[in-house]
Amino acid sequence: MRYINEMKEGDRLGGVYLCKQKSSAVTKNGKHYENVTLQDRTGQLDCKIWEPNSEGIAEFDALDYVYVVGSVSSFNGALQASLRQVRRADESEYIPADYVPVTDKNRKAMYMELMSIKDSVQNEYLRALLDAFFGDKTFAKTFYEHSAAKSIHHSFVGGLLEHTLSVTRLCVYLSKNYPALRYDLLITSAILHDAGKVKELSEFPTNEYTDEGQLLGHIMIGAEMIHDRASQIEGFPELLERELKHCILSHHGQFEFGSPKKPAIIEAMALSMADNMDAKLETWTEVLSQNGNPEEWLGFNKVLDTNLRRTLGVS
């Protein structure tokens, strides 16, 4: 089996992959074809079955492990495969762990670092709130293993932990450079800003939006989770809870990016900037790691809203 991140234009595709998604479509000329997304632990590959009724295409569904044969090409700056043969794979042909994308960083070390930063929070109520979240073994385990997104950035096992730690590190740095920032509020909001993701997205291998995620979204879910746990802490200040929830509700920065509120306090602004920086730089990093041709422009990226090119001028 060849991993998806090793593929390049012109390669022959052959081996077992997880069929993450499958849907039918019709060309402008009325010809039926299938859209298929294949996945392994290194990434995903968009595929087409142009002759879905041909002899080489057997019955299969999304979330099946499938043996495929095809060829890899490039379309709009991204790799794409045309599949000529597809069949369900036998259980003896694959190991499920090979098909779940996982952070390449040490999860245990990241979690220990995040907990160390958590323990630096001095406010008794915010500290108690953080302990209520991470003292809950079910929440802590889910947080440790969850992704941070369906597809845009950190969409792998450990992605939520990795993203949260990156945002929290940035906030620690910002707090040292801007004394007006209240450290305890900023750090607590950074650690909890995406807590709602544990309910918004299902676990792997699906990593899809849940019903709660579709109806409410992780921002609203996270604010509700904070309210529910804060209400169990005797004497938790109403204003402090309100300011913390504001940081959560505004951390995407703009209405068009999904925030129901824009940042109105300095900690909320700092959090939204840290979150945006990590999300965009991770998106860049993932594009660079998944594109097999280092010498060409990488194409237009909708998330970053620009045409991307790898840095070539220095080694």
Protein backbone atom coordinates (compact mmCIF):
# COMPACT_ATOMS: atom_id res chain seq x y z
CA MET A 1 0.00 0.00 0.00
CA ARG A 2 1.22 3.48 -0.87
CA TYR A 3 0.22 6.28 1.46
CA ILE A 4 -1.72 9.20 0.01
CA ASN A 5 0.83 11.82 1.05
CA GLU A 6 3.47 10.00 -1.04
CA MET A 7 1.47 10.14 -4.27
CA LYS A 8 2.21 12.40 -7.21
CA GLU A 9 0.76 13.10 -10.61
CA GLY A 10 1.14 10.16 -12.99
CA ASP A 11 1.30 7.49 -10.28
CA ARG A 12 -0.62 4.24 -10.52
CA LEU A 13 -3.02 3.77 -7.63
CA GLY A 14 -3.43 0.28 -6.20
CA GLY A 15 -4.21 -0.97 -2.72
CA VAL A 16 -6.67 -0.85 0.16
CA TYR A 17 -8.07 2.46 1.44
CA LEU A 18 -10.97 3.60 3.56
CA CYS A 19 -13.86 4.98 1.52
CA LYS A 20 -14.63 8.08 3.57
CA GLN A 21 -17.38 9.40 1.30
CA LYS A 22 -19.28 8.30 -1.79
CA SER A 23 -21.88 10.17 -3.83
CA SER A 24 -23.42 10.08 -7.29
CA ALA A 25 -23.22 12.96 -9.73
CA VAL A 26 -24.02 13.85 -13.34
CA THR A 27 -21.81 15.62 -15.89
CA LYS A 28 -23.06 18.54 -17.99
CA ASN A 29 -23.62 16.01 -20.76
CA GLY A 30 -25.90 13.90 -18.57
CA LYS A 31 -23.38 11.14 -17.89
CA HIS A 32 -23.51 9.53 -14.44
CA TYR A 33 -20.35 9.14 -12.35
CA GLU A 34 -19.33 8.63 -8.73
CA ASN A 35 -17.44 10.95 -6.39
CA VAL A 36 -15.35 8.99 -3.91
CA THR A 37 -13.06 10.19 -1.14
CA LEU A 38 -10.37 7.72 -0.13
CA GLN A 39 -8.55 8.05 3.17
CA ASP A 40 -5.55 6.64 4.97
CA ARG A 41 -3.74 7.92 8.04
CA THR A 42 -1.77 10.46 5.98
CA GLY A 43 -4.65 12.21 4.27
CA GLN A 44 -7.51 12.05 1.81
CA LEU A 45 -7.72 11.74 -1.98
CA ASP A 46 -10.57 12.90 -4.21
CA CYS A 47 -11.46 10.21 -6.75
CA LYS A 48 -13.86 9.75 -9.68
CA ILE A 49 -15.44 6.63 -11.07
CA TRP A 50 -16.34 7.65 -14.61
CA GLU A 51 -17.80 4.24 -15.53
CA PRO A 52 -19.70 3.17 -12.37
CA ASN A 53 -21.49 0.33 -14.18
CA SER A 54 -18.36 -1.25 -15.62
CA GLU A 55 -17.38 -4.81 -14.74
CA GLY A 56 -14.48 -3.71 -12.52
CA ILE A 57 -16.67 -1.70 -10.15
CA ALA A 58 -18.27 -3.87 -7.44
CA GLU A 59 -20.80 -2.79 -4.80
CA PHE A 60 -19.38 -0.77 -1.90
CA ASP A 61 -20.48 1.97 0.47
CA ALA A 62 -19.01 4.84 2.45
CA LEU A 63 -16.90 3.66 5.42
CA ASP A 64 -16.08 0.39 3.65
CA TYR A 65 -12.44 -0.60 3.26
CA VAL A 66 -11.97 -1.00 -0.49
CA TYR A 67 -9.30 -2.33 -2.80
CA VAL A 68 -8.89 0.09 -5.71
CA VAL A 69 -6.97 0.34 -8.96
CA GLY A 70 -6.63 3.61 -10.83
CA SER A 71 -4.37 6.47 -11.85
CA VAL A 72 -3.43 9.75 -10.19
CA SER A 73 -3.65 13.08 -12.00
CA SER A 74 -3.80 16.76 -11.08
CA PHE A 75 -6.87 19.01 -11.27
CA ASN A 76 -6.92 22.67 -10.21
CA GLY A 77 -3.67 22.23 -8.33
CA ALA A 78 -4.83 19.22 -6.31
CA LEU A 79 -4.26 15.51 -6.80
CA GLN A 80 -7.19 13.45 -8.04
CA ALA A 81 -7.56 9.80 -9.00
CA SER A 82 -9.61 8.03 -11.62
CA LEU A 83 -10.70 4.59 -10.40
CA ARG A 84 -11.06 1.66 -12.82
CA GLN A 85 -11.51 -1.13 -10.27
CA VAL A 86 -13.11 -1.10 -6.83
CA ARG A 87 -14.18 -3.91 -4.50
CA ARG A 88 -14.74 -4.36 -0.79
CA ALA A 89 -11.55 -5.53 0.90
CA ASP A 90 -11.35 -8.64 3.05
CA GLU A 91 -10.55 -8.08 6.73
CA SER A 92 -7.25 -9.87 6.24
CA GLU A 93 -6.15 -7.21 3.73
CA TYR A 94 -5.98 -4.19 6.05
CA ILE A 95 -5.19 -2.93 9.54
CA PRO A 96 -7.76 -0.25 10.59
CA ALA A 97 -5.11 1.89 12.37
CA ASP A 98 -3.47 2.55 8.98
CA TYR A 99 -6.53 4.49 7.85
CA VAL A 100 -7.10 6.94 10.68
CA PRO A 101 -5.08 10.17 10.39
CA VAL A 102 -3.15 10.85 13.59
CA THR A 103 -1.08 13.83 14.73
CA ASP A 104 2.63 13.36 14.14
CA LYS A 105 3.35 14.98 17.51
CA ASN A 106 3.58 13.26 20.90
CA ARG A 107 0.07 13.42 22.33
CA LYS A 108 1.13 12.56 25.86
CA ALA A 109 3.74 15.33 25.89
CA MET A 110 1.26 17.83 24.44
CA TYR A 111 -1.37 16.95 27.02
CA MET A 112 1.12 17.26 29.88
CA GLU A 113 2.20 20.68 28.62
CA LEU A 114 -1.40 21.85 28.32
CA MET A 115 -2.15 20.65 31.85
CA SER A 116 0.93 22.47 33.10
CA ILE A 117 -0.33 25.71 31.57
CA LYS A 118 -3.78 24.99 33.01
CA ASP A 119 -2.24 24.73 36.47
CA SER A 120 -0.71 28.20 36.06
CA VAL A 121 -4.19 29.77 36.23
CA GLN A 122 -4.51 31.38 39.67
CA ASN A 123 -8.12 32.58 39.78
CA GLU A 124 -9.91 30.09 42.03
CA TYR A 125 -13.08 29.98 39.96
CA LEU A 126 -11.40 29.62 36.57
CA ARG A 127 -9.05 27.00 38.00
CA ALA A 128 -12.01 25.09 39.42
CA LEU A 129 -13.76 25.29 36.05
CA LEU A 130 -10.75 23.92 34.18
CA ASP A 131 -10.40 21.15 36.76
CA ALA A 132 -14.09 20.31 36.32
CA PHE A 133 -13.55 19.83 32.57
CA PHE A 134 -10.30 17.89 32.64
CA GLY A 135 -11.10 16.04 35.85
CA ASP A 136 -13.97 14.47 33.93
CA LYS A 137 -12.34 11.31 32.54
CA THR A 138 -14.86 11.01 29.70
CA PHE A 139 -14.29 14.58 28.51
CA ALA A 140 -10.51 14.34 28.92
CA LYS A 141 -10.30 11.10 26.91
CA THR A 142 -12.50 12.46 24.11
CA PHE A 143 -10.55 15.75 24.05
CA TYR A 144 -7.27 13.80 23.88
CA GLU A 145 -8.37 11.80 20.82
CA HIS A 146 -10.66 14.18 18.94
CA SER A 147 -10.04 16.13 15.76
CA ALA A 148 -10.38 19.92 15.59
CA ALA A 149 -12.26 19.99 12.29
CA LYS A 150 -13.92 17.87 9.66
CA SER A 151 -11.51 18.84 6.89
CA ILE A 152 -10.06 22.37 7.06
CA HIS A 153 -7.27 22.05 9.64
CA HIS A 154 -6.21 19.61 12.37
CA SER A 155 -8.68 17.03 11.03
CA PHE A 156 -6.92 14.06 12.59
CA VAL A 157 -6.79 12.12 15.86
CA GLY A 158 -5.17 14.44 18.40
CA GLY A 159 -5.97 17.49 16.27
CA LEU A 160 -8.09 19.17 18.93
CA LEU A 161 -5.32 18.75 21.50
CA GLU A 162 -2.65 19.98 19.08
CA HIS A 163 -4.68 23.03 18.00
CA THR A 164 -5.68 23.91 21.56
CA LEU A 165 -2.09 23.73 22.77
CA SER A 166 -0.89 25.88 19.85
CA VAL A 167 -3.53 28.55 20.52
CA THR A 168 -2.78 28.45 24.26
CA ARG A 169 0.97 28.84 23.66
CA LEU A 170 0.28 31.89 21.48
CA CYS A 171 -1.92 33.36 24.20
CA VAL A 172 0.79 32.82 26.81
CA TYR A 173 3.17 34.72 24.53
CA LEU A 174 0.67 37.53 23.94
CA SER A 175 0.05 37.90 27.67
CA LYS A 176 3.76 38.54 28.23
CA ASN A 177 3.85 41.29 25.61
CA TYR A 178 0.55 43.03 26.39
CA PRO A 179 0.10 43.63 30.14
CA ALA A 180 -3.51 44.76 29.61
CA LEU A 181 -4.46 41.14 28.95
CA ARG A 182 -5.80 39.33 32.01
CA TYR A 183 -3.78 36.12 31.96
CA ASP A 184 -6.20 33.84 33.78
CA LEU A 185 -9.18 34.77 31.61
CA LEU A 186 -7.20 34.57 28.37
CA ILE A 187 -5.59 31.21 29.15
CA THR A 188 -8.85 29.67 30.35
CA SER A 189 -10.64 30.81 27.20
CA ALA A 190 -7.79 29.49 25.04
CA ILE A 191 -7.88 26.05 26.66
CA LEU A 192 -11.69 25.84 26.41
CA HIS A 193 -12.31 27.74 23.17
CA ASP A 194 -12.98 24.59 21.14
CA ALA A 195 -14.33 22.36 23.90
CA GLY A 196 -17.61 22.15 21.98
CA LYS A 197 -15.83 20.21 19.22
CA VAL A 198 -16.11 17.03 21.33
CA LYS A 199 -19.88 17.18 20.72
CA GLU A 200 -19.92 18.88 17.32
CA LEU A 201 -17.96 16.11 15.56
CA SER A 202 -18.25 12.35 15.78
CA GLU A 203 -15.26 10.16 16.50
CA PHE A 204 -13.10 8.58 13.80
CA PRO A 205 -13.34 6.99 11.33
CA THR A 206 -16.43 9.06 10.49
CA ASN A 207 -15.37 12.48 11.88
CA GLU A 208 -18.65 13.96 10.66
CA TYR A 209 -20.94 16.63 12.10
CA THR A 210 -23.34 15.30 14.71
CA ASP A 211 -26.98 16.40 14.85
CA GLU A 212 -26.06 18.71 17.74
CA GLY A 213 -23.13 20.03 15.73
CA GLN A 214 -25.28 20.77 12.70
CA LEU A 215 -28.01 22.51 14.72
CA LEU A 216 -25.88 24.46 17.21
CA GLY A 217 -22.20 24.38 16.24
CA HIS A 218 -19.20 24.09 18.54
CA ILE A 219 -19.21 27.77 19.57
CA MET A 220 -22.70 27.65 21.07
CA ILE A 221 -22.13 24.13 22.44
CA GLY A 222 -18.92 25.28 24.14
CA ALA A 223 -20.62 28.28 25.75
CA GLU A 224 -23.37 26.00 27.07
CA MET A 225 -20.80 23.54 28.45
CA ILE A 226 -19.06 26.37 30.31
CA HIS A 227 -22.36 27.59 31.76
CA ASP A 228 -23.36 24.12 32.87
CA ARG A 229 -20.07 23.46 34.68
CA ALA A 230 -19.73 26.99 36.10
CA SER A 231 -23.23 26.70 37.59
CA GLN A 232 -21.97 23.74 39.65
CA ILE A 233 -19.16 25.82 41.20
CA GLU A 234 -20.42 27.65 44.27
CA GLY A 235 -20.04 31.41 44.04
CA PHE A 236 -18.79 31.49 40.44
CA PRO A 237 -18.99 35.22 39.57
CA GLU A 238 -21.69 36.00 37.02
CA LEU A 239 -19.60 38.69 35.31
CA LEU A 240 -16.58 36.38 35.01
CA GLU A 241 -18.73 33.67 33.44
CA ARG A 242 -20.18 36.23 31.04
CA GLU A 243 -16.73 37.46 29.98
CA LEU A 244 -15.45 33.90 29.50
CA LYS A 245 -18.48 32.92 27.41
CA HIS A 246 -18.01 36.08 25.35
CA CYS A 247 -14.47 34.96 24.50
CA ILE A 248 -15.85 31.62 23.34
CA LEU A 249 -18.74 33.14 21.39
CA SER A 250 -16.49 35.63 19.57
CA HIS A 251 -13.37 33.55 18.95
CA HIS A 252 -13.96 33.27 15.19
CA GLY A 253 -13.75 37.05 15.07
CA GLN A 254 -16.37 37.87 12.45
CA PHE A 255 -20.04 37.08 11.85
CA GLU A 256 -19.25 35.60 8.44
CA PHE A 257 -16.82 33.15 10.08
CA GLY A 258 -19.49 31.80 12.43
CA SER A 259 -19.08 33.97 15.51
CA PRO A 260 -22.42 35.14 16.96
CA LYS A 261 -20.52 38.08 18.50
CA LYS A 262 -17.45 40.13 17.56
CA PRO A 263 -14.72 40.52 20.20
CA ALA A 264 -15.66 43.27 22.65
CA ILE A 265 -12.95 42.78 25.29
CA ILE A 266 -9.21 42.62 24.76
CA GLU A 267 -8.90 38.96 25.80
CA ALA A 268 -11.52 37.97 23.23
CA MET A 269 -9.61 39.84 20.52
CA ALA A 270 -6.33 38.16 21.48
CA LEU A 271 -7.97 34.74 21.47
CA SER A 272 -9.56 35.22 18.05
CA MET A 273 -6.24 36.34 16.58
CA ALA A 274 -4.38 33.38 18.07
CA ASP A 275 -7.04 30.95 16.85
CA ASN A 276 -7.01 32.44 13.36
CA MET A 277 -3.21 32.38 13.16
CA ASP A 278 -2.91 28.73 14.15
CA ALA A 279 -5.77 27.62 11.89
CA LYS A 280 -4.33 29.38 8.83
CA LEU A 281 -0.72 28.35 9.37
CA GLU A 282 -1.78 24.74 9.96
CA THR A 283 -3.87 24.88 6.77
CA TRP A 284 -0.75 26.07 4.94
CA THR A 285 1.34 23.33 6.54
CA GLU A 286 -1.12 20.63 5.52
CA VAL A 287 -1.32 21.91 1.94
CA LEU A 288 2.46 21.86 1.65
CA SER A 289 2.75 18.35 3.10
CA GLN A 290 0.03 16.88 0.91
CA ASN A 291 1.06 18.37 -2.43
CA GLY A 292 3.51 16.14 -4.26
CA ASN A 293 5.01 18.69 -6.66
CA PRO A 294 7.35 21.16 -4.92
CA GLU A 295 8.25 23.10 -8.07
CA GLU A 296 4.88 24.47 -9.13
CA TRP A 297 2.21 26.79 -7.85
CA LEU A 298 -0.17 24.82 -5.65
CA GLY A 299 -3.41 26.37 -6.85
CA PHE A 300 -6.11 28.54 -5.29
CA ASN A 301 -7.09 27.68 -1.73
CA LYS A 302 -10.62 28.67 -0.68
CA VAL A 303 -9.84 28.74 3.03
CA LEU A 304 -6.83 31.02 2.64
CA ASP A 305 -8.45 32.89 -0.28
CA THR A 306 -5.27 33.07 -2.34
CA ASN A 307 -3.18 31.21 -4.90
CA LEU A 308 -0.46 29.30 -3.04
CA ARG A 309 3.16 28.69 -3.88
CA ARG A 310 5.86 26.82 -2.03
CA THR A 311 8.85 28.93 -0.87
CA LEU A 312 11.71 28.15 -3.27
CA GLY A 313 14.24 30.93 -2.77
CA VAL A 314 15.97 29.56 0.33
CA SER A 315 16.86 26.08 1.55
